[in-house]
Each structure stands twice: as structure tokens, then as C-alpha cells.
Amino acid sequence: MLYFYAIVPRMAFKNLKEAIKHFSDEQVCRDYLIQQRWNGNPECVYCGCTKVYKIENGKRFKCADRYCKRVFSVTVGTIYENSNLPLSTWLTAVWLATAHKKGISSCQLARDLGITQKTAWFVLHRIREMVVDKAPELLGDIVEVDETFVGGKMKNKHKSIRKKAHEQNLSHNFNKTTVVGILQRDSKVKATIYNASTHSLKDIIREYVKKDTIVITDSLTAYKGLNAEFAGHEVVNHNEDEFVRDKWHTNSIEGFFSHLKRTLYGTYHKASPKHLHRYCTEVLYRYNLRKMTDKNRFELSVKNSHGRLKYRDLIRRAEENTPPTN
């Protein structure tokens, strides 16, 4: 008998307490994922056939296509695939990671959910992979562009690093990671890791910004010539104590950087350069959806839970770990 899933009524939970109570049953969790992923009508994850059989009391499905006939569950192809954690734990973790304004550390998540710190760390990175912007749009109108450095203070670094900086007369930012941010006024913000050996700042702006856009930057020489490629280029000269000129300023993107650093230093304390782009993705997601309710942000996250991150891919060498487009 072919299985057609009934449309589930809109869920009544509004906060974490109600969500935990609602998702206390695994079948309820599966039903919720089926509703969010397939709008209540399961389809084969391998061939796309909409005719499937219900097997194992609804825990899994079997494709009815004569050339496929593969067995799958609602978690296949998602961040929950091949996980030993119950779905109730996963959904609680998604709520916590997307609702807390400055995130939640793996140590705290481990204590809250009764799991190991290593498991909590992997769960959070899977969630960060889930919220990557999979269909990025170019920014336009008026955008602010700036860069910031992420890393510890020189006085707290190892003696060998301080000695190298002193002997070679290097900047106090020489071994920090550069994050470039681009913010469209009254809209979204994007951020990416900047590597001077592979891209220029102009390359990043070209990748994220429409041509008919007015770009606002500081007086860094790397930004010179943008007026020839875009609708306009307004420069705010911080070296001359100019921070606002009419409506031209970079205060908004600097405000985002402040939020990013408070999250990194206050919640996570340290983020390695290898994984920094993932933490930036998480902060961007919550920041761009900050006007949503926690429930709506949670539901949107679950809808986009497709895409699996394997542990071996997560921990591979930094030079192989290419940051995604955000």
C-alpha cells in the first residue's frame, strides 16, 4: 500500500519549554521533519519519486519506483543522518543554537543536553553547516564595506611570537585572521575570510555587490578605483577623525563586527582560523534573521536542514577547508 502522509497542523509551541515538551516523542519529531522537509508528502531522496511505502511503523520508507526501490528515512541527506542522538536532542540543539543571540558553547550545550563536549562540538558545527546561505543574493543600493582582525592580543601571545613581531617590526595584527564584512543598509550583511594571497578586497566586493551600488569604505588604499566599477564610491577618512559625513559612514558594519567579536570572545573564547568561517556563518544567520521570532527562525532552520557534514571533512587540514559563500 502506498503511503501518503497527512498534513500536520501548525505546531503550537512558542518557546524552548513548550518545544521540549512537544518534541519529547520520537515519532512526533519524525512527523515534524516530514512536514517541514516534504510538506507532509514524502518523496524518495534518491530518485525523487513521490510514491513511497511506509515501513517499520513509519520510521523508514521504500521507494515504489521499479528501478529504484531504495529504503530511506527522513534524516537521509540531512545534518541528522547517521547520528546516534535522538531527534528530540537534535531539535533542542537547533533551537538553542539559533535562538541564543550570542550562540551557545559546546561545553554549555553538553551540560544542557547530557551529552559529551565532543559530541556537542560536532552537533554545533553540523548546525552551522545547515545555516549556510545556499542561494546567496548580491547586495545593492548602498553598502558599507570594512574589515576587522580576529585573534588574541599581542601581550597574551607566546613569547616566540612576540619576539618575532619585535625583531621583524611586524604589525600587532600580523598573525590575526582578517574578516571582511559587507552590509547593505536596512538589509543583510555578508562576511568572508580574507586571504591576501588569493583575493584582493576589490575581488570580494565584486563577488558580493551589484554594479549599480554605492560603496562606502574607509580610506584604505586597497579600495581606490571602486568608483570606476560601481555607481559610486564614498570614502570616510578615519585618519582625519572623519566618521560621519552626511549619510556616509561605516558605523553599521562596525556594529556588526562588535557583535561578532562579543560572540566569539564572550561565548566561544577562541575560534581557530580553520573553523572561523563557520562561526561567522552562524553569527550572520542569526543577525540577518534577528527580526524573526525564535520559533520562526527555528522552523526555517529545520526546513533547511539538508546537507550533511562528515567528521572527517570537518577536521581535515585548514588548507583543504575552503570557506563557503555566505
C-alpha atoms as a PDB file:
ATOM      1  CA  MET A   1       0.000   0.000   0.000  1.00  0.00           C
ATOM      2  CA  LEU A   2       1.392   3.368  -0.974  1.00  0.00           C
ATOM      3  CA  TYR A   3       1.964   5.786   1.855  1.00  0.00           C
ATOM      4  CA  PHE A   4       0.698   9.364   1.684  1.00  0.00           C
ATOM      5  CA  TYR A   5       1.435  11.438   4.735  1.00  0.00           C
ATOM      6  CA  ALA A   6      -1.291  13.579   6.248  1.00  0.00           C
ATOM      7  CA  ILE A   7      -0.651  17.291   6.603  1.00  0.00           C
ATOM      8  CA  VAL A   8       0.287  18.014  10.206  1.00  0.00           C
ATOM      9  CA  PRO A   9      -1.376  21.045  11.860  1.00  0.00           C
ATOM     10  CA  ARG A  10       0.875  24.009  12.578  1.00  0.00           C
ATOM     11  CA  MET A  11       2.789  23.379  15.774  1.00  0.00           C
ATOM     12  CA  ALA A  12       1.651  25.212  18.918  1.00  0.00           C
ATOM     13  CA  PHE A  13       4.999  25.689  20.703  1.00  0.00           C
ATOM     14  CA  LYS A  14       6.330  29.225  21.082  1.00  0.00           C
ATOM     15  CA  ASN A  15       9.333  28.897  23.385  1.00  0.00           C
ATOM     16  CA  LEU A  16      12.003  26.412  24.450  1.00  0.00           C
ATOM     17  CA  LYS A  17       9.966  24.976  27.325  1.00  0.00           C
ATOM     18  CA  GLU A  18       6.997  24.225  25.060  1.00  0.00           C
ATOM     19  CA  ALA A  19       9.263  22.916  22.278  1.00  0.00           C
ATOM     20  CA  ILE A  20      10.994  20.427  24.601  1.00  0.00           C
ATOM     21  CA  LYS A  21       7.611  19.171  25.797  1.00  0.00           C
ATOM     22  CA  HIS A  22       6.272  18.924  22.243  1.00  0.00           C
ATOM     23  CA  PHE A  23       9.285  17.034  20.872  1.00  0.00           C
ATOM     24  CA  SER A  24       9.559  14.569  23.754  1.00  0.00           C
ATOM     25  CA  ASP A  25       8.300  11.738  21.488  1.00  0.00           C
ATOM     26  CA  GLU A  26      10.484  10.488  18.612  1.00  0.00           C
ATOM     27  CA  GLN A  27       7.534   9.822  16.314  1.00  0.00           C
ATOM     28  CA  VAL A  28       6.361  13.399  16.794  1.00  0.00           C
ATOM     29  CA  CYS A  29       9.875  14.540  15.839  1.00  0.00           C
ATOM     30  CA  ARG A  30       9.826  12.406  12.688  1.00  0.00           C
ATOM     31  CA  ASP A  31       6.370  13.672  11.754  1.00  0.00           C
ATOM     32  CA  TYR A  32       7.567  17.241  12.211  1.00  0.00           C
ATOM     33  CA  LEU A  33      10.622  16.707   9.996  1.00  0.00           C
ATOM     34  CA  ILE A  34       8.461  15.044   7.336  1.00  0.00           C
ATOM     35  CA  GLN A  35       6.151  18.043   7.382  1.00  0.00           C
ATOM     36  CA  GLN A  36       8.988  20.567   7.200  1.00  0.00           C
ATOM     37  CA  ARG A  37      11.057  18.715   4.602  1.00  0.00           C
ATOM     38  CA  TRP A  38       8.352  17.392   2.267  1.00  0.00           C
ATOM     39  CA  ASN A  39       5.267  19.360   3.271  1.00  0.00           C
ATOM     40  CA  GLY A  40       3.804  16.132   4.632  1.00  0.00           C
ATOM     41  CA  ASN A  41       4.237  14.108   1.425  1.00  0.00           C
ATOM     42  CA  PRO A  42       7.458  12.040   1.489  1.00  0.00           C
ATOM     43  CA  GLU A  43       9.424  11.550  -1.700  1.00  0.00           C
ATOM     44  CA  CYS A  44      12.398   9.373  -2.496  1.00  0.00           C
ATOM     45  CA  VAL A  45      15.652  11.138  -1.649  1.00  0.00           C
ATOM     46  CA  TYR A  46      17.454   9.190  -4.389  1.00  0.00           C
ATOM     47  CA  CYS A  47      15.206   9.446  -7.447  1.00  0.00           C
ATOM     48  CA  GLY A  48      12.556  11.985  -6.420  1.00  0.00           C
ATOM     49  CA  CYS A  49       9.627   9.588  -6.850  1.00  0.00           C
ATOM     50  CA  THR A  50       6.580  10.738  -4.854  1.00  0.00           C
ATOM     51  CA  LYS A  51       5.193   7.209  -4.462  1.00  0.00           C
ATOM     52  CA  VAL A  52       6.704   5.550  -1.420  1.00  0.00           C
ATOM     53  CA  TYR A  53       5.828   2.777   1.027  1.00  0.00           C
ATOM     54  CA  LYS A  54       5.753   3.207   4.753  1.00  0.00           C
ATOM     55  CA  ILE A  55       7.805   0.528   6.539  1.00  0.00           C
ATOM     56  CA  GLU A  56       8.977  -0.118  10.105  1.00  0.00           C
ATOM     57  CA  ASN A  57       5.943   1.695  11.540  1.00  0.00           C
ATOM     58  CA  GLY A  58       6.790   4.896   9.723  1.00  0.00           C
ATOM     59  CA  LYS A  59      10.438   5.057  10.746  1.00  0.00           C
ATOM     60  CA  ARG A  60      11.577   4.469   7.170  1.00  0.00           C
ATOM     61  CA  PHE A  61      10.190   4.465   3.634  1.00  0.00           C
ATOM     62  CA  LYS A  62      10.712   2.408   0.490  1.00  0.00           C
ATOM     63  CA  CYS A  63      10.584   3.889  -2.981  1.00  0.00           C
ATOM     64  CA  ALA A  64       7.846   2.416  -5.198  1.00  0.00           C
ATOM     65  CA  ASP A  65       9.717   3.110  -8.432  1.00  0.00           C
ATOM     66  CA  ARG A  66      10.556  -0.231 -10.056  1.00  0.00           C
ATOM     67  CA  TYR A  67      14.072   0.886 -10.955  1.00  0.00           C
ATOM     68  CA  CYS A  68      14.888   2.342  -7.532  1.00  0.00           C
ATOM     69  CA  LYS A  69      13.153   0.572  -4.632  1.00  0.00           C
ATOM     70  CA  ARG A  70      15.664   2.033  -2.169  1.00  0.00           C
ATOM     71  CA  VAL A  71      14.938   2.377   1.526  1.00  0.00           C
ATOM     72  CA  PHE A  72      15.430   5.711   3.281  1.00  0.00           C
ATOM     73  CA  SER A  73      14.354   7.745   6.286  1.00  0.00           C
ATOM     74  CA  VAL A  74      13.534  11.408   6.778  1.00  0.00           C
ATOM     75  CA  THR A  75      17.053  12.014   8.127  1.00  0.00           C
ATOM     76  CA  VAL A  76      18.910  10.826   4.999  1.00  0.00           C
ATOM     77  CA  GLY A  77      20.733  13.717   3.371  1.00  0.00           C
ATOM     78  CA  THR A  78      20.327  15.968   6.412  1.00  0.00           C
ATOM     79  CA  ILE A  79      22.506  17.006   9.328  1.00  0.00           C
ATOM     80  CA  TYR A  80      20.822  14.296  11.425  1.00  0.00           C
ATOM     81  CA  GLU A  81      21.902  11.402   9.174  1.00  0.00           C
ATOM     82  CA  ASN A  82      23.785   8.513  10.829  1.00  0.00           C
ATOM     83  CA  SER A  83      23.598  10.165  14.240  1.00  0.00           C
ATOM     84  CA  ASN A  84      23.128   8.164  17.433  1.00  0.00           C
ATOM     85  CA  LEU A  85      21.431  11.100  19.114  1.00  0.00           C
ATOM     86  CA  PRO A  86      17.623  11.045  19.312  1.00  0.00           C
ATOM     87  CA  LEU A  87      15.805  13.593  17.176  1.00  0.00           C
ATOM     88  CA  SER A  88      14.440  15.242  20.314  1.00  0.00           C
ATOM     89  CA  THR A  89      18.017  16.098  21.310  1.00  0.00           C
ATOM     90  CA  TRP A  90      18.829  17.348  17.830  1.00  0.00           C
ATOM     91  CA  LEU A  91      15.805  19.644  17.648  1.00  0.00           C
ATOM     92  CA  THR A  92      16.534  21.058  21.089  1.00  0.00           C
ATOM     93  CA  ALA A  93      20.113  21.764  19.989  1.00  0.00           C
ATOM     94  CA  VAL A  94      18.879  23.538  16.842  1.00  0.00           C
ATOM     95  CA  TRP A  95      16.570  25.715  18.941  1.00  0.00           C
ATOM     96  CA  LEU A  96      19.347  26.676  21.367  1.00  0.00           C
ATOM     97  CA  ALA A  97      21.888  27.396  18.617  1.00  0.00           C
ATOM     98  CA  THR A  98      19.520  29.579  16.592  1.00  0.00           C
ATOM     99  CA  ALA A  99      17.741  31.361  19.453  1.00  0.00           C
ATOM    100  CA  HIS A 100      20.617  32.492  21.690  1.00  0.00           C
ATOM    101  CA  LYS A 101      21.711  35.908  20.434  1.00  0.00           C
ATOM    102  CA  LYS A 102      25.372  35.211  21.056  1.00  0.00           C
ATOM    103  CA  GLY A 103      25.301  31.473  20.458  1.00  0.00           C
ATOM    104  CA  ILE A 104      25.973  28.643  22.873  1.00  0.00           C
ATOM    105  CA  SER A 105      29.297  26.944  23.549  1.00  0.00           C
ATOM    106  CA  SER A 106      29.820  23.217  23.115  1.00  0.00           C
ATOM    107  CA  CYS A 107      30.578  22.906  26.838  1.00  0.00           C
ATOM    108  CA  GLN A 108      27.277  24.534  27.790  1.00  0.00           C
ATOM    109  CA  LEU A 109      25.319  22.552  25.198  1.00  0.00           C
ATOM    110  CA  ALA A 110      26.861  19.330  26.520  1.00  0.00           C
ATOM    111  CA  ARG A 111      25.706  20.160  30.050  1.00  0.00           C
ATOM    112  CA  ASP A 112      22.222  21.184  28.900  1.00  0.00           C
ATOM    113  CA  LEU A 113      21.607  18.064  26.793  1.00  0.00           C
ATOM    114  CA  GLY A 114      23.543  15.477  28.795  1.00  0.00           C
ATOM    115  CA  ILE A 115      25.994  14.629  26.010  1.00  0.00           C
ATOM    116  CA  THR A 116      29.784  14.800  25.724  1.00  0.00           C
ATOM    117  CA  GLN A 117      31.544  18.027  24.793  1.00  0.00           C
ATOM    118  CA  LYS A 118      33.000  16.386  21.687  1.00  0.00           C
ATOM    119  CA  THR A 119      29.529  15.373  20.508  1.00  0.00           C
ATOM    120  CA  ALA A 120      28.149  18.843  21.269  1.00  0.00           C
ATOM    121  CA  TRP A 121      31.010  20.436  19.293  1.00  0.00           C
ATOM    122  CA  PHE A 122      30.236  18.283  16.260  1.00  0.00           C
ATOM    123  CA  VAL A 123      26.488  18.940  16.589  1.00  0.00           C
ATOM    124  CA  LEU A 124      27.061  22.703  16.585  1.00  0.00           C
ATOM    125  CA  HIS A 125      29.296  22.519  13.515  1.00  0.00           C
ATOM    126  CA  ARG A 126      26.646  20.489  11.701  1.00  0.00           C
ATOM    127  CA  ILE A 127      24.112  23.171  12.558  1.00  0.00           C
ATOM    128  CA  ARG A 128      26.491  25.840  11.237  1.00  0.00           C
ATOM    129  CA  GLU A 129      26.757  23.871   8.010  1.00  0.00           C
ATOM    130  CA  MET A 130      22.956  23.761   7.867  1.00  0.00           C
ATOM    131  CA  VAL A 131      22.536  27.551   8.057  1.00  0.00           C
ATOM    132  CA  VAL A 132      24.990  28.382   5.256  1.00  0.00           C
ATOM    133  CA  ASP A 133      23.257  30.613   2.710  1.00  0.00           C
ATOM    134  CA  LYS A 134      22.732  28.131  -0.132  1.00  0.00           C
ATOM    135  CA  ALA A 135      21.251  30.706  -2.537  1.00  0.00           C
ATOM    136  CA  PRO A 136      23.159  33.942  -1.872  1.00  0.00           C
ATOM    137  CA  GLU A 137      21.933  37.157  -3.458  1.00  0.00           C
ATOM    138  CA  LEU A 138      24.066  40.139  -4.394  1.00  0.00           C
ATOM    139  CA  LEU A 139      23.843  43.209  -2.190  1.00  0.00           C
ATOM    140  CA  GLY A 140      22.866  46.552  -3.689  1.00  0.00           C
ATOM    141  CA  ASP A 141      21.622  50.119  -3.166  1.00  0.00           C
ATOM    142  CA  ILE A 142      24.055  51.457  -0.533  1.00  0.00           C
ATOM    143  CA  VAL A 143      26.577  49.110   1.081  1.00  0.00           C
ATOM    144  CA  GLU A 144      29.189  49.592   3.772  1.00  0.00           C
ATOM    145  CA  VAL A 145      32.455  47.669   3.495  1.00  0.00           C
ATOM    146  CA  ASP A 146      35.056  47.255   6.203  1.00  0.00           C
ATOM    147  CA  GLU A 147      37.475  44.709   7.589  1.00  0.00           C
ATOM    148  CA  THR A 148      38.414  43.612  11.085  1.00  0.00           C
ATOM    149  CA  PHE A 149      41.033  41.394  12.686  1.00  0.00           C
ATOM    150  CA  VAL A 150      40.125  38.391  14.823  1.00  0.00           C
ATOM    151  CA  GLY A 151      42.657  36.939  17.235  1.00  0.00           C
ATOM    152  CA  GLY A 152      44.206  37.405  20.655  1.00  0.00           C
ATOM    153  CA  LYS A 153      46.078  40.473  21.835  1.00  0.00           C
ATOM    154  CA  MET A 154      49.816  40.533  21.274  1.00  0.00           C
ATOM    155  CA  LYS A 155      50.561  40.744  25.014  1.00  0.00           C
ATOM    156  CA  ASN A 156      48.783  37.406  25.520  1.00  0.00           C
ATOM    157  CA  LYS A 157      50.617  35.557  22.762  1.00  0.00           C
ATOM    158  CA  HIS A 158      53.539  33.176  23.183  1.00  0.00           C
ATOM    159  CA  LYS A 159      56.935  34.709  23.792  1.00  0.00           C
ATOM    160  CA  SER A 160      58.274  33.385  20.469  1.00  0.00           C
ATOM    161  CA  ILE A 161      55.503  35.177  18.551  1.00  0.00           C
ATOM    162  CA  ARG A 162      56.105  38.457  20.399  1.00  0.00           C
ATOM    163  CA  LYS A 163      59.834  38.128  19.736  1.00  0.00           C
ATOM    164  CA  LYS A 164      59.259  37.542  16.016  1.00  0.00           C
ATOM    165  CA  ALA A 165      56.967  40.557  15.782  1.00  0.00           C
ATOM    166  CA  HIS A 166      59.531  42.750  17.544  1.00  0.00           C
ATOM    167  CA  GLU A 167      62.551  41.581  15.530  1.00  0.00           C
ATOM    168  CA  GLN A 168      60.799  41.908  12.168  1.00  0.00           C
ATOM    169  CA  ASN A 169      58.935  45.086  13.128  1.00  0.00           C
ATOM    170  CA  LEU A 170      55.607  43.460  12.288  1.00  0.00           C
ATOM    171  CA  SER A 171      52.168  44.886  12.954  1.00  0.00           C
ATOM    172  CA  HIS A 172      50.359  43.656  16.061  1.00  0.00           C
ATOM    173  CA  ASN A 173      47.805  42.145  13.638  1.00  0.00           C
ATOM    174  CA  PHE A 174      50.341  40.159  11.609  1.00  0.00           C
ATOM    175  CA  ASN A 175      49.123  36.705  12.725  1.00  0.00           C
ATOM    176  CA  LYS A 176      45.447  37.501  13.098  1.00  0.00           C
ATOM    177  CA  THR A 177      42.687  36.447  10.706  1.00  0.00           C
ATOM    178  CA  THR A 178      41.056  39.162   8.609  1.00  0.00           C
ATOM    179  CA  VAL A 179      37.277  39.171   8.245  1.00  0.00           C
ATOM    180  CA  VAL A 180      35.729  41.370   5.549  1.00  0.00           C
ATOM    181  CA  GLY A 181      32.145  42.492   6.081  1.00  0.00           C
ATOM    182  CA  ILE A 182      29.701  43.983   3.576  1.00  0.00           C
ATOM    183  CA  LEU A 183      26.410  45.412   4.836  1.00  0.00           C
ATOM    184  CA  GLN A 184      23.502  46.656   2.761  1.00  0.00           C
ATOM    185  CA  ARG A 185      21.615  49.432   4.518  1.00  0.00           C
ATOM    186  CA  ASP A 186      18.336  48.170   6.043  1.00  0.00           C
ATOM    187  CA  SER A 187      19.032  44.684   4.703  1.00  0.00           C
ATOM    188  CA  LYS A 188      21.503  41.831   5.053  1.00  0.00           C
ATOM    189  CA  VAL A 189      25.158  41.614   5.923  1.00  0.00           C
ATOM    190  CA  LYS A 190      27.723  39.215   4.467  1.00  0.00           C
ATOM    191  CA  ALA A 191      31.152  38.330   5.775  1.00  0.00           C
ATOM    192  CA  THR A 192      34.030  36.253   4.494  1.00  0.00           C
ATOM    193  CA  ILE A 193      37.572  35.353   5.489  1.00  0.00           C
ATOM    194  CA  TYR A 194      40.129  37.469   3.637  1.00  0.00           C
ATOM    195  CA  ASN A 195      43.305  35.880   2.326  1.00  0.00           C
ATOM    196  CA  ALA A 196      45.550  38.456   0.681  1.00  0.00           C
ATOM    197  CA  SER A 197      47.469  35.755  -1.189  1.00  0.00           C
ATOM    198  CA  THR A 198      44.404  34.589  -3.140  1.00  0.00           C
ATOM    199  CA  HIS A 199      41.996  37.544  -3.325  1.00  0.00           C
ATOM    200  CA  SER A 200      42.043  41.308  -3.153  1.00  0.00           C
ATOM    201  CA  LEU A 201      39.475  43.352  -1.277  1.00  0.00           C
ATOM    202  CA  LYS A 202      38.113  44.507  -4.626  1.00  0.00           C
ATOM    203  CA  ASP A 203      37.625  40.881  -5.696  1.00  0.00           C
ATOM    204  CA  ILE A 204      35.462  40.270  -2.626  1.00  0.00           C
ATOM    205  CA  ILE A 205      33.363  43.369  -3.307  1.00  0.00           C
ATOM    206  CA  ARG A 206      32.870  42.327  -6.934  1.00  0.00           C
ATOM    207  CA  GLU A 207      31.694  38.893  -5.761  1.00  0.00           C
ATOM    208  CA  TYR A 208      29.071  40.170  -3.334  1.00  0.00           C
ATOM    209  CA  VAL A 209      27.911  43.565  -4.652  1.00  0.00           C
ATOM    210  CA  LYS A 210      25.847  44.642  -7.670  1.00  0.00           C
ATOM    211  CA  LYS A 211      27.388  47.078 -10.138  1.00  0.00           C
ATOM    212  CA  ASP A 212      24.708  49.761  -9.637  1.00  0.00           C
ATOM    213  CA  THR A 213      25.620  50.171  -5.973  1.00  0.00           C
ATOM    214  CA  ILE A 214      27.144  52.999  -3.966  1.00  0.00           C
ATOM    215  CA  VAL A 215      30.012  51.577  -1.908  1.00  0.00           C
ATOM    216  CA  ILE A 216      31.133  53.216   1.337  1.00  0.00           C
ATOM    217  CA  THR A 217      34.598  52.392   2.723  1.00  0.00           C
ATOM    218  CA  ASP A 218      37.329  53.912   4.838  1.00  0.00           C
ATOM    219  CA  SER A 219      40.424  55.465   3.270  1.00  0.00           C
ATOM    220  CA  LEU A 220      42.392  52.228   2.862  1.00  0.00           C
ATOM    221  CA  THR A 221      44.321  52.408  -0.423  1.00  0.00           C
ATOM    222  CA  ALA A 222      43.163  48.900  -1.423  1.00  0.00           C
ATOM    223  CA  TYR A 223      39.706  50.377  -2.095  1.00  0.00           C
ATOM    224  CA  LYS A 224      40.890  53.015  -4.569  1.00  0.00           C
ATOM    225  CA  GLY A 225      39.286  52.818  -8.004  1.00  0.00           C
ATOM    226  CA  LEU A 226      35.922  51.391  -6.920  1.00  0.00           C
ATOM    227  CA  ASN A 227      34.139  54.424  -8.383  1.00  0.00           C
ATOM    228  CA  ALA A 228      35.113  53.175 -11.852  1.00  0.00           C
ATOM    229  CA  GLU A 229      33.387  49.823 -11.296  1.00  0.00           C
ATOM    230  CA  PHE A 230      30.323  50.780  -9.254  1.00  0.00           C
ATOM    231  CA  ALA A 231      27.725  53.541  -9.214  1.00  0.00           C
ATOM    232  CA  GLY A 232      29.697  55.457  -6.628  1.00  0.00           C
ATOM    233  CA  HIS A 233      32.415  55.221  -4.001  1.00  0.00           C
ATOM    234  CA  GLU A 234      32.207  57.310  -0.853  1.00  0.00           C
ATOM    235  CA  VAL A 235      35.253  57.417   1.423  1.00  0.00           C
ATOM    236  CA  VAL A 236      35.134  58.181   5.147  1.00  0.00           C
ATOM    237  CA  ASN A 237      38.616  59.203   6.257  1.00  0.00           C
ATOM    238  CA  HIS A 238      39.081  57.870   9.773  1.00  0.00           C
ATOM    239  CA  ASN A 239      42.700  59.073   9.797  1.00  0.00           C
ATOM    240  CA  GLU A 240      41.403  62.641   9.856  1.00  0.00           C
ATOM    241  CA  ASP A 241      38.804  61.858  12.551  1.00  0.00           C
ATOM    242  CA  GLU A 242      36.015  61.805   9.982  1.00  0.00           C
ATOM    243  CA  PHE A 243      33.471  59.145  10.912  1.00  0.00           C
ATOM    244  CA  VAL A 244      30.193  60.522   9.536  1.00  0.00           C
ATOM    245  CA  ARG A 245      29.675  62.781   6.533  1.00  0.00           C
ATOM    246  CA  ASP A 246      26.012  63.390   5.741  1.00  0.00           C
ATOM    247  CA  LYS A 247      24.667  59.842   5.314  1.00  0.00           C
ATOM    248  CA  TRP A 248      28.040  58.308   4.533  1.00  0.00           C
ATOM    249  CA  HIS A 249      29.587  56.203   7.300  1.00  0.00           C
ATOM    250  CA  THR A 250      30.645  52.630   8.103  1.00  0.00           C
ATOM    251  CA  ASN A 251      29.125  52.567  11.586  1.00  0.00           C
ATOM    252  CA  SER A 252      26.601  49.840  10.732  1.00  0.00           C
ATOM    253  CA  ILE A 253      29.151  47.263   9.593  1.00  0.00           C
ATOM    254  CA  GLU A 254      31.377  48.183  12.539  1.00  0.00           C
ATOM    255  CA  GLY A 255      28.382  47.475  14.784  1.00  0.00           C
ATOM    256  CA  PHE A 256      28.127  44.010  13.264  1.00  0.00           C
ATOM    257  CA  PHE A 257      31.834  43.415  13.872  1.00  0.00           C
ATOM    258  CA  SER A 258      31.304  44.385  17.503  1.00  0.00           C
ATOM    259  CA  HIS A 259      28.523  41.800  17.777  1.00  0.00           C
ATOM    260  CA  LEU A 260      30.709  39.182  16.056  1.00  0.00           C
ATOM    261  CA  LYS A 261      33.608  39.717  18.447  1.00  0.00           C
ATOM    262  CA  ARG A 262      31.416  39.723  21.541  1.00  0.00           C
ATOM    263  CA  THR A 263      30.061  36.374  20.374  1.00  0.00           C
ATOM    264  CA  LEU A 264      33.494  34.913  19.649  1.00  0.00           C
ATOM    265  CA  TYR A 265      35.232  36.170  22.780  1.00  0.00           C
ATOM    266  CA  GLY A 266      32.284  36.051  25.185  1.00  0.00           C
ATOM    267  CA  THR A 267      30.762  32.688  24.234  1.00  0.00           C
ATOM    268  CA  TYR A 268      33.405  30.663  22.408  1.00  0.00           C
ATOM    269  CA  HIS A 269      36.511  32.433  23.825  1.00  0.00           C
ATOM    270  CA  LYS A 270      38.582  31.164  20.908  1.00  0.00           C
ATOM    271  CA  ALA A 271      37.931  30.116  17.319  1.00  0.00           C
ATOM    272  CA  SER A 272      40.755  28.645  15.263  1.00  0.00           C
ATOM    273  CA  PRO A 273      41.370  30.190  11.823  1.00  0.00           C
ATOM    274  CA  LYS A 274      40.484  26.805  10.338  1.00  0.00           C
ATOM    275  CA  HIS A 275      36.898  26.985  11.626  1.00  0.00           C
ATOM    276  CA  LEU A 276      36.420  30.752  11.881  1.00  0.00           C
ATOM    277  CA  HIS A 277      34.316  30.914   8.711  1.00  0.00           C
ATOM    278  CA  ARG A 278      31.813  28.508  10.292  1.00  0.00           C
ATOM    279  CA  TYR A 279      31.424  30.684  13.381  1.00  0.00           C
ATOM    280  CA  CYS A 280      30.968  33.722  11.126  1.00  0.00           C
ATOM    281  CA  THR A 281      28.251  31.851   9.227  1.00  0.00           C
ATOM    282  CA  GLU A 282      26.391  31.166  12.470  1.00  0.00           C
ATOM    283  CA  VAL A 283      26.575  34.804  13.610  1.00  0.00           C
ATOM    284  CA  LEU A 284      25.494  36.033  10.166  1.00  0.00           C
ATOM    285  CA  TYR A 285      22.476  33.733  10.186  1.00  0.00           C
ATOM    286  CA  ARG A 286      21.132  34.966  13.499  1.00  0.00           C
ATOM    287  CA  TYR A 287      21.987  38.599  12.707  1.00  0.00           C
ATOM    288  CA  ASN A 288      20.225  38.604   9.338  1.00  0.00           C
ATOM    289  CA  LEU A 289      17.147  36.941  10.865  1.00  0.00           C
ATOM    290  CA  ARG A 290      17.183  38.932  14.108  1.00  0.00           C
ATOM    291  CA  LYS A 291      13.698  40.342  13.495  1.00  0.00           C
ATOM    292  CA  MET A 292      12.194  36.839  13.340  1.00  0.00           C
ATOM    293  CA  THR A 293      10.701  35.167  16.384  1.00  0.00           C
ATOM    294  CA  ASP A 294      12.682  32.274  17.855  1.00  0.00           C
ATOM    295  CA  LYS A 295      10.021  29.848  16.656  1.00  0.00           C
ATOM    296  CA  ASN A 296      10.026  31.101  13.058  1.00  0.00           C
ATOM    297  CA  ARG A 297      13.820  31.081  12.951  1.00  0.00           C
ATOM    298  CA  PHE A 298      13.801  27.529  14.298  1.00  0.00           C
ATOM    299  CA  GLU A 299      11.277  26.343  11.702  1.00  0.00           C
ATOM    300  CA  LEU A 300      13.234  27.963   8.872  1.00  0.00           C
ATOM    301  CA  SER A 301      16.395  26.250  10.119  1.00  0.00           C
ATOM    302  CA  VAL A 302      14.732  22.826  10.204  1.00  0.00           C
ATOM    303  CA  LYS A 303      13.389  23.347   6.671  1.00  0.00           C
ATOM    304  CA  ASN A 304      16.970  23.932   5.513  1.00  0.00           C
ATOM    305  CA  SER A 305      18.489  21.011   7.424  1.00  0.00           C
ATOM    306  CA  HIS A 306      19.516  19.164   4.254  1.00  0.00           C
ATOM    307  CA  GLY A 307      23.224  18.811   3.681  1.00  0.00           C
ATOM    308  CA  ARG A 308      25.480  16.523   5.664  1.00  0.00           C
ATOM    309  CA  LEU A 309      28.817  17.385   7.232  1.00  0.00           C
ATOM    310  CA  LYS A 310      31.046  14.386   7.964  1.00  0.00           C
ATOM    311  CA  TYR A 311      33.508  14.486  10.832  1.00  0.00           C
ATOM    312  CA  ARG A 312      36.484  13.712   8.600  1.00  0.00           C
ATOM    313  CA  ASP A 313      35.585  16.682   6.396  1.00  0.00           C
ATOM    314  CA  LEU A 314      35.239  18.932   9.424  1.00  0.00           C
ATOM    315  CA  ILE A 315      38.684  18.201  10.871  1.00  0.00           C
ATOM    316  CA  ARG A 316      40.716  17.999   7.672  1.00  0.00           C
ATOM    317  CA  ARG A 317      43.646  20.338   7.179  1.00  0.00           C
ATOM    318  CA  ALA A 318      42.983  24.056   7.082  1.00  0.00           C
ATOM    319  CA  GLU A 319      44.326  24.497   3.543  1.00  0.00           C
ATOM    320  CA  GLU A 320      41.732  21.992   2.315  1.00  0.00           C
ATOM    321  CA  ASN A 321      38.906  23.538   4.316  1.00  0.00           C
ATOM    322  CA  THR A 322      37.568  26.099   1.840  1.00  0.00           C
ATOM    323  CA  PRO A 323      35.157  28.625   3.404  1.00  0.00           C
ATOM    324  CA  PRO A 324      31.675  28.598   1.817  1.00  0.00           C
ATOM    325  CA  THR A 325      29.990  31.624   0.341  1.00  0.00           C
ATOM    326  CA  ASN A 326      27.770  33.283   2.951  1.00  0.00           C
END
